[in-house]
Amino acid sequence: MKLQNTEEKPPSGQSEKYRRINPGPFYAWPMGLWFIIFFLIPLVIITLYSFLKKGLYGGVEPVFSLHAYQQLFNLKYGMIFLRTFWIAFFSTVITILIALPCGYAMARSKHQTLLLFLIIIPFWTNSLIRIFAWMSILSNDGTLNQILHKMGLIKNYLKMLYTQGAVILVSIYMYLPYAILPVFTSVDRFDFSLLEAARDLGATKSQSMLKVLIPGIKSGIVTSVIFTFIPIFGAYTVPLLVGGKDSYMLGNIIVDQVNKTRNWPLAAAFSMIITIVSTAGVLWMMASGKKDAESKKISRKEDNYITAGSM
């Protein structure tokens, strides 16, 4: 039996009339204006600055130069880039591993509203206050060291603050809500009858989770990775306040080049690296979402075909 397209299309005259009276493009102007002023224009300025010559007393001179990009290949900056990538990558992996069970438990819980409220609560407090709270917890005479000392687990206070471990720990805490929410949304929309079908076909519980659930919520996982990796990759405040000499990251370089060295082209060149990484991540997220939408569309067409053929 041939599958018929059941979608009704308005007559061409009505469609043209709808286009004439459709106010949708006018509603998009505020967002487009915001995008141009606060994203496109600053991006153009940064790009231009990265190709100009450093001014004698700071700023830039209107002379084309590739010196800023040549400086990026300095071994010192290369090590900082690798360190930044490692901290962002490791923090993201741990964050996603925590977010997956949390998002799953929230989606299957009867108290979703309460759990969402608890996840959103940290956003009500300024990020600096939360970082200072962690500084008081991780310091040599902080809460954690005092507890471990009173329990007899340590004799001398542990150095936990101003280390890479502190940067990773605080980064995970800061961006964990951004990872949980997309996972929760994807799991909440997932069809759990697919897991039951996989179990009926002989898959174990772990196999059904890995081969059915994880691919089914891939778009949420990709979104969580982007929302976690990109902010940590360009972070400045966390490594500045809780990190040490071994935690100097790209964000710190950019601020120091602007405020201390006053090498604006080099700061702009480093900013372009973060922009390229961020853009690549967003494109990956969009491609993943488009691929999932196409696969779901194909699946719906197949279901309609099967249903029509059985009639």
C-alpha atoms as a PDB file:
ATOM      1  CA  MET A   1       0.000   0.000   0.000  1.00  0.00           C
ATOM      2  CA  LYS A   2       1.395   3.368  -0.967  1.00  0.00           C
ATOM      3  CA  LEU A   3       1.868   5.803   1.883  1.00  0.00           C
ATOM      4  CA  GLN A   4      -0.054   9.008   1.274  1.00  0.00           C
ATOM      5  CA  ASN A   5       1.104  12.378   2.486  1.00  0.00           C
ATOM      6  CA  THR A   6      -1.574  13.512   4.937  1.00  0.00           C
ATOM      7  CA  GLU A   7      -0.211  17.016   5.412  1.00  0.00           C
ATOM      8  CA  GLU A   8      -2.564  19.675   4.098  1.00  0.00           C
ATOM      9  CA  LYS A   9      -1.032  22.669   2.400  1.00  0.00           C
ATOM     10  CA  PRO A  10      -2.861  25.967   2.071  1.00  0.00           C
ATOM     11  CA  PRO A  11      -3.697  27.155  -1.429  1.00  0.00           C
ATOM     12  CA  SER A  12      -1.024  29.224  -3.093  1.00  0.00           C
ATOM     13  CA  GLY A  13      -3.117  32.393  -2.827  1.00  0.00           C
ATOM     14  CA  GLN A  14      -3.564  31.989   0.919  1.00  0.00           C
ATOM     15  CA  SER A  15       0.148  31.181   1.318  1.00  0.00           C
ATOM     16  CA  GLU A  16       1.177  34.402  -0.442  1.00  0.00           C
ATOM     17  CA  LYS A  17      -1.300  36.381   1.631  1.00  0.00           C
ATOM     18  CA  TYR A  18       0.120  34.844   4.805  1.00  0.00           C
ATOM     19  CA  ARG A  19       3.628  35.863   3.794  1.00  0.00           C
ATOM     20  CA  ARG A  20       2.501  39.443   3.270  1.00  0.00           C
ATOM     21  CA  ILE A  21       0.845  39.762   6.698  1.00  0.00           C
ATOM     22  CA  ASN A  22       3.329  37.592   8.616  1.00  0.00           C
ATOM     23  CA  PRO A  23       4.987  39.829  11.273  1.00  0.00           C
ATOM     24  CA  GLY A  24       7.616  37.220  12.171  1.00  0.00           C
ATOM     25  CA  PRO A  25      10.620  39.017  10.611  1.00  0.00           C
ATOM     26  CA  PHE A  26       9.809  42.145  12.612  1.00  0.00           C
ATOM     27  CA  TYR A  27       9.924  40.125  15.837  1.00  0.00           C
ATOM     28  CA  ALA A  28      13.424  38.903  14.913  1.00  0.00           C
ATOM     29  CA  TRP A  29      14.866  42.423  14.646  1.00  0.00           C
ATOM     30  CA  PRO A  30      15.543  42.910  18.396  1.00  0.00           C
ATOM     31  CA  MET A  31      17.440  39.618  18.621  1.00  0.00           C
ATOM     32  CA  GLY A  32      19.293  40.367  15.388  1.00  0.00           C
ATOM     33  CA  LEU A  33      20.243  43.825  16.626  1.00  0.00           C
ATOM     34  CA  TRP A  34      21.444  42.403  19.942  1.00  0.00           C
ATOM     35  CA  PHE A  35      23.486  39.786  18.064  1.00  0.00           C
ATOM     36  CA  ILE A  36      25.124  42.414  15.836  1.00  0.00           C
ATOM     37  CA  ILE A  37      25.960  44.875  18.648  1.00  0.00           C
ATOM     38  CA  PHE A  38      27.134  42.478  21.347  1.00  0.00           C
ATOM     39  CA  PHE A  39      28.621  39.626  19.290  1.00  0.00           C
ATOM     40  CA  LEU A  40      29.355  40.440  15.669  1.00  0.00           C
ATOM     41  CA  ILE A  41      30.885  43.917  16.147  1.00  0.00           C
ATOM     42  CA  PRO A  42      33.143  42.879  19.105  1.00  0.00           C
ATOM     43  CA  LEU A  43      34.233  39.814  17.137  1.00  0.00           C
ATOM     44  CA  VAL A  44      35.173  41.968  14.146  1.00  0.00           C
ATOM     45  CA  ILE A  45      37.122  44.346  16.416  1.00  0.00           C
ATOM     46  CA  ILE A  46      39.029  41.489  18.064  1.00  0.00           C
ATOM     47  CA  THR A  47      39.812  39.970  14.663  1.00  0.00           C
ATOM     48  CA  LEU A  48      41.150  43.284  13.362  1.00  0.00           C
ATOM     49  CA  TYR A  49      43.229  43.890  16.502  1.00  0.00           C
ATOM     50  CA  SER A  50      44.870  40.471  16.157  1.00  0.00           C
ATOM     51  CA  PHE A  51      46.280  41.515  12.756  1.00  0.00           C
ATOM     52  CA  LEU A  52      47.598  44.916  13.864  1.00  0.00           C
ATOM     53  CA  LYS A  53      50.873  46.048  15.392  1.00  0.00           C
ATOM     54  CA  LYS A  54      51.270  46.578  19.123  1.00  0.00           C
ATOM     55  CA  GLY A  55      51.306  50.218  20.177  1.00  0.00           C
ATOM     56  CA  LEU A  56      54.334  51.639  21.941  1.00  0.00           C
ATOM     57  CA  TYR A  57      52.351  52.431  25.102  1.00  0.00           C
ATOM     58  CA  GLY A  58      49.630  49.870  24.640  1.00  0.00           C
ATOM     59  CA  GLY A  59      46.739  49.606  22.278  1.00  0.00           C
ATOM     60  CA  VAL A  60      47.359  49.056  18.573  1.00  0.00           C
ATOM     61  CA  GLU A  61      48.805  50.861  15.615  1.00  0.00           C
ATOM     62  CA  PRO A  62      47.049  50.740  12.206  1.00  0.00           C
ATOM     63  CA  VAL A  63      49.815  48.629  10.665  1.00  0.00           C
ATOM     64  CA  PHE A  64      49.160  45.109   9.385  1.00  0.00           C
ATOM     65  CA  SER A  65      51.210  42.520  11.268  1.00  0.00           C
ATOM     66  CA  LEU A  66      51.238  38.763  11.893  1.00  0.00           C
ATOM     67  CA  HIS A  67      53.545  39.086  14.886  1.00  0.00           C
ATOM     68  CA  ALA A  68      50.773  38.233  17.363  1.00  0.00           C
ATOM     69  CA  TYR A  69      50.065  34.914  15.631  1.00  0.00           C
ATOM     70  CA  GLN A  70      53.762  34.179  15.382  1.00  0.00           C
ATOM     71  CA  GLN A  71      54.014  34.573  19.156  1.00  0.00           C
ATOM     72  CA  LEU A  72      51.354  31.888  19.601  1.00  0.00           C
ATOM     73  CA  PHE A  73      53.903  29.296  18.511  1.00  0.00           C
ATOM     74  CA  ASN A  74      56.108  30.127  21.493  1.00  0.00           C
ATOM     75  CA  LEU A  75      56.785  26.966  23.506  1.00  0.00           C
ATOM     76  CA  LYS A  76      55.674  28.676  26.708  1.00  0.00           C
ATOM     77  CA  TYR A  77      52.287  29.555  25.266  1.00  0.00           C
ATOM     78  CA  GLY A  78      52.003  26.086  23.761  1.00  0.00           C
ATOM     79  CA  MET A  79      52.382  24.520  27.196  1.00  0.00           C
ATOM     80  CA  ILE A  80      49.725  26.855  28.594  1.00  0.00           C
ATOM     81  CA  PHE A  81      47.384  25.897  25.759  1.00  0.00           C
ATOM     82  CA  LEU A  82      47.883  22.187  26.463  1.00  0.00           C
ATOM     83  CA  ARG A  83      47.372  22.766  30.187  1.00  0.00           C
ATOM     84  CA  THR A  84      44.177  24.693  29.509  1.00  0.00           C
ATOM     85  CA  PHE A  85      42.897  21.971  27.198  1.00  0.00           C
ATOM     86  CA  TRP A  86      43.766  19.257  29.734  1.00  0.00           C
ATOM     87  CA  ILE A  87      42.024  21.003  32.640  1.00  0.00           C
ATOM     88  CA  ALA A  88      38.938  21.753  30.518  1.00  0.00           C
ATOM     89  CA  PHE A  89      38.835  18.213  29.097  1.00  0.00           C
ATOM     90  CA  PHE A  90      39.268  16.432  32.431  1.00  0.00           C
ATOM     91  CA  SER A  91      36.762  18.717  34.179  1.00  0.00           C
ATOM     92  CA  THR A  92      34.240  18.144  31.394  1.00  0.00           C
ATOM     93  CA  VAL A  93      34.599  14.349  31.535  1.00  0.00           C
ATOM     94  CA  ILE A  94      34.052  14.258  35.307  1.00  0.00           C
ATOM     95  CA  THR A  95      31.138  16.709  35.019  1.00  0.00           C
ATOM     96  CA  ILE A  96      29.385  14.607  32.354  1.00  0.00           C
ATOM     97  CA  LEU A  97      29.922  11.400  34.350  1.00  0.00           C
ATOM     98  CA  ILE A  98      28.182  13.075  37.301  1.00  0.00           C
ATOM     99  CA  ALA A  99      25.478  14.719  35.180  1.00  0.00           C
ATOM    100  CA  LEU A 100      24.336  11.505  33.463  1.00  0.00           C
ATOM    101  CA  PRO A 101      23.065   9.649  36.568  1.00  0.00           C
ATOM    102  CA  CYS A 102      21.759  12.904  38.062  1.00  0.00           C
ATOM    103  CA  GLY A 103      19.800  13.790  34.919  1.00  0.00           C
ATOM    104  CA  TYR A 104      18.465  10.236  34.646  1.00  0.00           C
ATOM    105  CA  ALA A 105      17.382  10.149  38.283  1.00  0.00           C
ATOM    106  CA  MET A 106      15.684  13.546  37.957  1.00  0.00           C
ATOM    107  CA  ALA A 107      13.792  12.492  34.810  1.00  0.00           C
ATOM    108  CA  ARG A 108      12.541   9.286  36.467  1.00  0.00           C
ATOM    109  CA  SER A 109      11.680  10.937  39.774  1.00  0.00           C
ATOM    110  CA  LYS A 110       8.204  11.995  40.882  1.00  0.00           C
ATOM    111  CA  HIS A 111       9.700  15.147  42.418  1.00  0.00           C
ATOM    112  CA  GLN A 112      11.123  16.761  39.285  1.00  0.00           C
ATOM    113  CA  THR A 113      10.085  20.270  40.293  1.00  0.00           C
ATOM    114  CA  LEU A 114      11.859  20.038  43.651  1.00  0.00           C
ATOM    115  CA  LEU A 115      15.016  18.578  42.113  1.00  0.00           C
ATOM    116  CA  LEU A 116      15.083  21.234  39.388  1.00  0.00           C
ATOM    117  CA  PHE A 117      14.702  23.860  42.086  1.00  0.00           C
ATOM    118  CA  LEU A 118      17.701  22.436  43.954  1.00  0.00           C
ATOM    119  CA  ILE A 119      19.779  22.444  40.768  1.00  0.00           C
ATOM    120  CA  ILE A 120      18.901  26.056  39.970  1.00  0.00           C
ATOM    121  CA  ILE A 121      19.542  27.369  43.524  1.00  0.00           C
ATOM    122  CA  PRO A 122      23.323  27.945  42.934  1.00  0.00           C
ATOM    123  CA  PHE A 123      22.463  30.427  40.161  1.00  0.00           C
ATOM    124  CA  TRP A 124      20.888  32.661  42.792  1.00  0.00           C
ATOM    125  CA  THR A 125      24.289  33.310  44.358  1.00  0.00           C
ATOM    126  CA  ASN A 126      27.041  35.348  42.750  1.00  0.00           C
ATOM    127  CA  SER A 127      29.773  33.172  41.251  1.00  0.00           C
ATOM    128  CA  LEU A 128      32.509  35.042  43.164  1.00  0.00           C
ATOM    129  CA  ILE A 129      30.788  34.282  46.472  1.00  0.00           C
ATOM    130  CA  ARG A 130      30.674  30.596  45.589  1.00  0.00           C
ATOM    131  CA  ILE A 131      34.359  30.589  44.648  1.00  0.00           C
ATOM    132  CA  PHE A 132      35.310  32.330  47.909  1.00  0.00           C
ATOM    133  CA  ALA A 133      33.259  29.722  49.776  1.00  0.00           C
ATOM    134  CA  TRP A 134      35.343  26.981  48.170  1.00  0.00           C
ATOM    135  CA  MET A 135      38.510  28.890  49.079  1.00  0.00           C
ATOM    136  CA  SER A 136      37.479  28.795  52.745  1.00  0.00           C
ATOM    137  CA  ILE A 137      36.762  25.057  52.433  1.00  0.00           C
ATOM    138  CA  LEU A 138      40.033  24.116  50.691  1.00  0.00           C
ATOM    139  CA  SER A 139      42.495  26.415  52.484  1.00  0.00           C
ATOM    140  CA  ASN A 140      45.148  25.031  54.857  1.00  0.00           C
ATOM    141  CA  ASP A 141      43.076  25.978  57.906  1.00  0.00           C
ATOM    142  CA  GLY A 142      39.784  25.518  56.067  1.00  0.00           C
ATOM    143  CA  THR A 143      36.785  23.368  56.851  1.00  0.00           C
ATOM    144  CA  LEU A 144      37.914  20.244  55.002  1.00  0.00           C
ATOM    145  CA  ASN A 145      41.401  20.169  56.531  1.00  0.00           C
ATOM    146  CA  GLN A 146      39.992  20.728  60.018  1.00  0.00           C
ATOM    147  CA  ILE A 147      37.518  17.872  59.630  1.00  0.00           C
ATOM    148  CA  LEU A 148      40.168  15.468  58.355  1.00  0.00           C
ATOM    149  CA  HIS A 149      42.548  16.535  61.139  1.00  0.00           C
ATOM    150  CA  LYS A 150      39.949  16.066  63.892  1.00  0.00           C
ATOM    151  CA  MET A 151      39.041  12.638  62.505  1.00  0.00           C
ATOM    152  CA  GLY A 152      42.718  11.659  62.726  1.00  0.00           C
ATOM    153  CA  LEU A 153      43.007  10.965  59.010  1.00  0.00           C
ATOM    154  CA  ILE A 154      45.834  13.481  58.533  1.00  0.00           C
ATOM    155  CA  LYS A 155      48.573  14.843  60.793  1.00  0.00           C
ATOM    156  CA  ASN A 156      49.629  17.814  58.687  1.00  0.00           C
ATOM    157  CA  TYR A 157      47.297  20.005  56.728  1.00  0.00           C
ATOM    158  CA  LEU A 158      46.976  19.074  53.055  1.00  0.00           C
ATOM    159  CA  LYS A 159      47.686  21.643  50.364  1.00  0.00           C
ATOM    160  CA  MET A 160      44.440  21.621  48.426  1.00  0.00           C
ATOM    161  CA  LEU A 161      44.120  25.279  47.479  1.00  0.00           C
ATOM    162  CA  TYR A 162      46.144  26.901  44.665  1.00  0.00           C
ATOM    163  CA  THR A 163      46.513  23.624  42.758  1.00  0.00           C
ATOM    164  CA  GLN A 164      45.202  22.188  39.520  1.00  0.00           C
ATOM    165  CA  GLY A 165      43.001  19.872  41.554  1.00  0.00           C
ATOM    166  CA  ALA A 166      41.296  22.876  43.145  1.00  0.00           C
ATOM    167  CA  VAL A 167      40.693  24.423  39.702  1.00  0.00           C
ATOM    168  CA  ILE A 168      39.169  21.182  38.413  1.00  0.00           C
ATOM    169  CA  LEU A 169      37.023  20.687  41.521  1.00  0.00           C
ATOM    170  CA  VAL A 170      35.633  24.224  41.554  1.00  0.00           C
ATOM    171  CA  SER A 171      35.105  24.176  37.762  1.00  0.00           C
ATOM    172  CA  ILE A 172      33.062  20.981  38.088  1.00  0.00           C
ATOM    173  CA  TYR A 173      30.972  22.578  40.820  1.00  0.00           C
ATOM    174  CA  MET A 174      30.467  25.804  38.865  1.00  0.00           C
ATOM    175  CA  TYR A 175      29.323  24.191  35.623  1.00  0.00           C
ATOM    176  CA  LEU A 176      27.620  21.006  36.800  1.00  0.00           C
ATOM    177  CA  PRO A 177      24.103  22.553  36.575  1.00  0.00           C
ATOM    178  CA  TYR A 178      24.792  23.463  32.933  1.00  0.00           C
ATOM    179  CA  ALA A 179      25.501  19.785  32.249  1.00  0.00           C
ATOM    180  CA  ILE A 180      22.632  18.303  34.257  1.00  0.00           C
ATOM    181  CA  LEU A 181      19.817  20.337  32.704  1.00  0.00           C
ATOM    182  CA  PRO A 182      20.370  19.304  29.028  1.00  0.00           C
ATOM    183  CA  VAL A 183      20.776  15.660  30.067  1.00  0.00           C
ATOM    184  CA  PHE A 184      17.595  15.850  32.138  1.00  0.00           C
ATOM    185  CA  THR A 185      15.674  17.367  29.215  1.00  0.00           C
ATOM    186  CA  SER A 186      16.831  14.637  26.816  1.00  0.00           C
ATOM    187  CA  VAL A 187      16.117  11.793  29.237  1.00  0.00           C
ATOM    188  CA  ASP A 188      12.697  13.251  30.070  1.00  0.00           C
ATOM    189  CA  ARG A 189      11.746  13.122  26.361  1.00  0.00           C
ATOM    190  CA  PHE A 190      13.202   9.653  25.822  1.00  0.00           C
ATOM    191  CA  ASP A 191      10.832   6.781  25.013  1.00  0.00           C
ATOM    192  CA  PHE A 192      11.574   4.248  27.747  1.00  0.00           C
ATOM    193  CA  SER A 193       9.585   1.566  25.951  1.00  0.00           C
ATOM    194  CA  LEU A 194      12.700   1.189  23.792  1.00  0.00           C
ATOM    195  CA  LEU A 195      14.605  -0.029  26.849  1.00  0.00           C
ATOM    196  CA  GLU A 196      11.900  -2.591  27.551  1.00  0.00           C
ATOM    197  CA  ALA A 197      12.065  -3.736  23.920  1.00  0.00           C
ATOM    198  CA  ALA A 198      15.839  -4.091  24.174  1.00  0.00           C
ATOM    199  CA  ARG A 199      15.476  -6.180  27.346  1.00  0.00           C
ATOM    200  CA  ASP A 200      12.874  -8.385  25.611  1.00  0.00           C
ATOM    201  CA  LEU A 201      15.360  -8.972  22.789  1.00  0.00           C
ATOM    202  CA  GLY A 202      17.955 -10.274  25.247  1.00  0.00           C
ATOM    203  CA  ALA A 203      19.980  -7.195  26.152  1.00  0.00           C
ATOM    204  CA  THR A 204      21.097  -6.797  29.727  1.00  0.00           C
ATOM    205  CA  LYS A 205      20.258  -3.678  31.705  1.00  0.00           C
ATOM    206  CA  SER A 206      23.720  -2.206  31.192  1.00  0.00           C
ATOM    207  CA  GLN A 207      23.692  -3.080  27.482  1.00  0.00           C
ATOM    208  CA  SER A 208      20.300  -1.451  26.980  1.00  0.00           C
ATOM    209  CA  MET A 209      21.570   1.676  28.752  1.00  0.00           C
ATOM    210  CA  LEU A 210      24.759   1.894  26.679  1.00  0.00           C
ATOM    211  CA  LYS A 211      23.316   0.905  23.284  1.00  0.00           C
ATOM    212  CA  VAL A 212      19.819   2.403  23.477  1.00  0.00           C
ATOM    213  CA  LEU A 213      19.613   5.141  26.115  1.00  0.00           C
ATOM    214  CA  ILE A 214      22.971   6.843  25.533  1.00  0.00           C
ATOM    215  CA  PRO A 215      22.520   7.120  21.721  1.00  0.00           C
ATOM    216  CA  GLY A 216      18.947   8.273  22.303  1.00  0.00           C
ATOM    217  CA  ILE A 217      20.038  11.209  24.461  1.00  0.00           C
ATOM    218  CA  LYS A 218      23.177  12.023  22.459  1.00  0.00           C
ATOM    219  CA  SER A 219      21.999  15.536  21.634  1.00  0.00           C
ATOM    220  CA  GLY A 220      21.634  16.342  25.333  1.00  0.00           C
ATOM    221  CA  ILE A 221      25.072  14.931  26.088  1.00  0.00           C
ATOM    222  CA  VAL A 222      26.643  16.967  23.281  1.00  0.00           C
ATOM    223  CA  THR A 223      24.940  20.110  24.601  1.00  0.00           C
ATOM    224  CA  SER A 224      26.225  19.373  28.103  1.00  0.00           C
ATOM    225  CA  VAL A 225      29.765  18.916  26.784  1.00  0.00           C
ATOM    226  CA  ILE A 226      29.622  22.254  24.941  1.00  0.00           C
ATOM    227  CA  PHE A 227      28.093  24.102  27.905  1.00  0.00           C
ATOM    228  CA  THR A 228      30.846  22.735  30.146  1.00  0.00           C
ATOM    229  CA  PHE A 229      34.006  22.591  28.038  1.00  0.00           C
ATOM    230  CA  ILE A 230      33.796  26.024  26.394  1.00  0.00           C
ATOM    231  CA  PRO A 231      33.332  28.078  29.614  1.00  0.00           C
ATOM    232  CA  ILE A 232      36.099  26.151  31.397  1.00  0.00           C
ATOM    233  CA  PHE A 233      38.415  26.493  28.384  1.00  0.00           C
ATOM    234  CA  GLY A 234      38.093  30.270  28.538  1.00  0.00           C
ATOM    235  CA  ALA A 235      37.823  30.565  32.328  1.00  0.00           C
ATOM    236  CA  TYR A 236      39.639  33.359  34.141  1.00  0.00           C
ATOM    237  CA  THR A 237      38.182  33.792  37.631  1.00  0.00           C
ATOM    238  CA  VAL A 238      38.446  30.197  38.854  1.00  0.00           C
ATOM    239  CA  PRO A 239      42.146  29.643  37.974  1.00  0.00           C
ATOM    240  CA  LEU A 240      42.978  33.140  39.229  1.00  0.00           C
ATOM    241  CA  LEU A 241      41.413  32.641  42.686  1.00  0.00           C
ATOM    242  CA  VAL A 242      41.931  28.945  43.459  1.00  0.00           C
ATOM    243  CA  GLY A 243      44.775  28.025  41.098  1.00  0.00           C
ATOM    244  CA  GLY A 244      48.523  28.381  41.456  1.00  0.00           C
ATOM    245  CA  LYS A 245      51.464  28.689  39.092  1.00  0.00           C
ATOM    246  CA  ASP A 246      50.609  25.325  37.552  1.00  0.00           C
ATOM    247  CA  SER A 247      47.050  26.503  36.797  1.00  0.00           C
ATOM    248  CA  TYR A 248      47.769  29.510  34.577  1.00  0.00           C
ATOM    249  CA  MET A 249      45.318  29.277  31.667  1.00  0.00           C
ATOM    250  CA  LEU A 250      44.442  31.072  28.423  1.00  0.00           C
ATOM    251  CA  GLY A 251      41.944  33.345  30.131  1.00  0.00           C
ATOM    252  CA  ASN A 252      44.652  34.547  32.494  1.00  0.00           C
ATOM    253  CA  ILE A 253      46.981  35.244  29.559  1.00  0.00           C
ATOM    254  CA  ILE A 254      44.385  37.401  27.815  1.00  0.00           C
ATOM    255  CA  VAL A 255      43.713  39.542  30.889  1.00  0.00           C
ATOM    256  CA  ASP A 256      47.434  39.920  31.689  1.00  0.00           C
ATOM    257  CA  GLN A 257      48.258  40.879  28.094  1.00  0.00           C
ATOM    258  CA  VAL A 258      45.588  43.591  28.206  1.00  0.00           C
ATOM    259  CA  ASN A 259      46.205  44.984  31.705  1.00  0.00           C
ATOM    260  CA  LYS A 260      49.892  44.314  32.409  1.00  0.00           C
ATOM    261  CA  THR A 261      51.872  43.798  29.203  1.00  0.00           C
ATOM    262  CA  ARG A 262      49.373  45.865  27.208  1.00  0.00           C
ATOM    263  CA  ASN A 263      49.922  43.686  24.163  1.00  0.00           C
ATOM    264  CA  TRP A 264      46.424  43.951  22.725  1.00  0.00           C
ATOM    265  CA  PRO A 265      47.129  42.112  19.429  1.00  0.00           C
ATOM    266  CA  LEU A 266      48.428  39.066  21.297  1.00  0.00           C
ATOM    267  CA  ALA A 267      45.410  39.125  23.636  1.00  0.00           C
ATOM    268  CA  ALA A 268      43.149  39.339  20.582  1.00  0.00           C
ATOM    269  CA  ALA A 269      44.973  36.406  18.950  1.00  0.00           C
ATOM    270  CA  PHE A 270      44.426  34.252  22.047  1.00  0.00           C
ATOM    271  CA  SER A 271      40.797  35.367  22.076  1.00  0.00           C
ATOM    272  CA  MET A 272      40.486  34.180  18.496  1.00  0.00           C
ATOM    273  CA  ILE A 273      41.649  30.722  19.572  1.00  0.00           C
ATOM    274  CA  ILE A 274      38.891  30.540  22.183  1.00  0.00           C
ATOM    275  CA  THR A 275      36.396  31.879  19.638  1.00  0.00           C
ATOM    276  CA  ILE A 276      37.385  29.229  17.090  1.00  0.00           C
ATOM    277  CA  VAL A 277      37.082  26.449  19.675  1.00  0.00           C
ATOM    278  CA  SER A 278      33.695  27.799  20.796  1.00  0.00           C
ATOM    279  CA  THR A 279      32.427  28.099  17.223  1.00  0.00           C
ATOM    280  CA  ALA A 280      33.562  24.557  16.417  1.00  0.00           C
ATOM    281  CA  GLY A 281      31.713  23.302  19.491  1.00  0.00           C
ATOM    282  CA  VAL A 282      28.506  25.119  18.572  1.00  0.00           C
ATOM    283  CA  LEU A 283      28.667  23.800  14.989  1.00  0.00           C
ATOM    284  CA  TRP A 284      29.181  20.289  16.361  1.00  0.00           C
ATOM    285  CA  MET A 285      26.134  20.713  18.612  1.00  0.00           C
ATOM    286  CA  MET A 286      24.010  21.992  15.717  1.00  0.00           C
ATOM    287  CA  ALA A 287      25.134  19.156  13.436  1.00  0.00           C
ATOM    288  CA  SER A 288      24.378  16.592  16.137  1.00  0.00           C
ATOM    289  CA  GLY A 289      20.932  18.062  16.747  1.00  0.00           C
ATOM    290  CA  LYS A 290      20.189  18.132  13.005  1.00  0.00           C
ATOM    291  CA  LYS A 291      21.309  14.526  12.615  1.00  0.00           C
ATOM    292  CA  ASP A 292      19.103  13.394  15.494  1.00  0.00           C
ATOM    293  CA  ALA A 293      16.133  15.296  14.065  1.00  0.00           C
ATOM    294  CA  GLU A 294      16.631  13.657  10.664  1.00  0.00           C
ATOM    295  CA  SER A 295      16.919  10.186  12.205  1.00  0.00           C
ATOM    296  CA  LYS A 296      13.712  10.746  14.204  1.00  0.00           C
ATOM    297  CA  LYS A 297      11.970  11.995  11.074  1.00  0.00           C
ATOM    298  CA  ILE A 298      13.011   8.883   9.155  1.00  0.00           C
ATOM    299  CA  SER A 299      11.867   6.709  12.066  1.00  0.00           C
ATOM    300  CA  ARG A 300       8.442   8.385  12.089  1.00  0.00           C
ATOM    301  CA  LYS A 301       8.103   7.871   8.323  1.00  0.00           C
ATOM    302  CA  GLU A 302       8.949   4.187   8.720  1.00  0.00           C
ATOM    303  CA  ASP A 303       6.372   3.840  11.511  1.00  0.00           C
ATOM    304  CA  ASN A 304       3.742   5.524   9.334  1.00  0.00           C
ATOM    305  CA  TYR A 305       4.627   3.232   6.449  1.00  0.00           C
ATOM    306  CA  ILE A 306       4.299   0.140   8.630  1.00  0.00           C
ATOM    307  CA  THR A 307       0.995   1.380  10.056  1.00  0.00           C
ATOM    308  CA  ALA A 308      -0.388   2.132   6.590  1.00  0.00           C
ATOM    309  CA  GLY A 309       0.766  -1.220   5.256  1.00  0.00           C
ATOM    310  CA  SER A 310      -0.977  -3.121   8.022  1.00  0.00           C
ATOM    311  CA  MET A 311      -4.321  -1.455   7.256  1.00  0.00           C
END
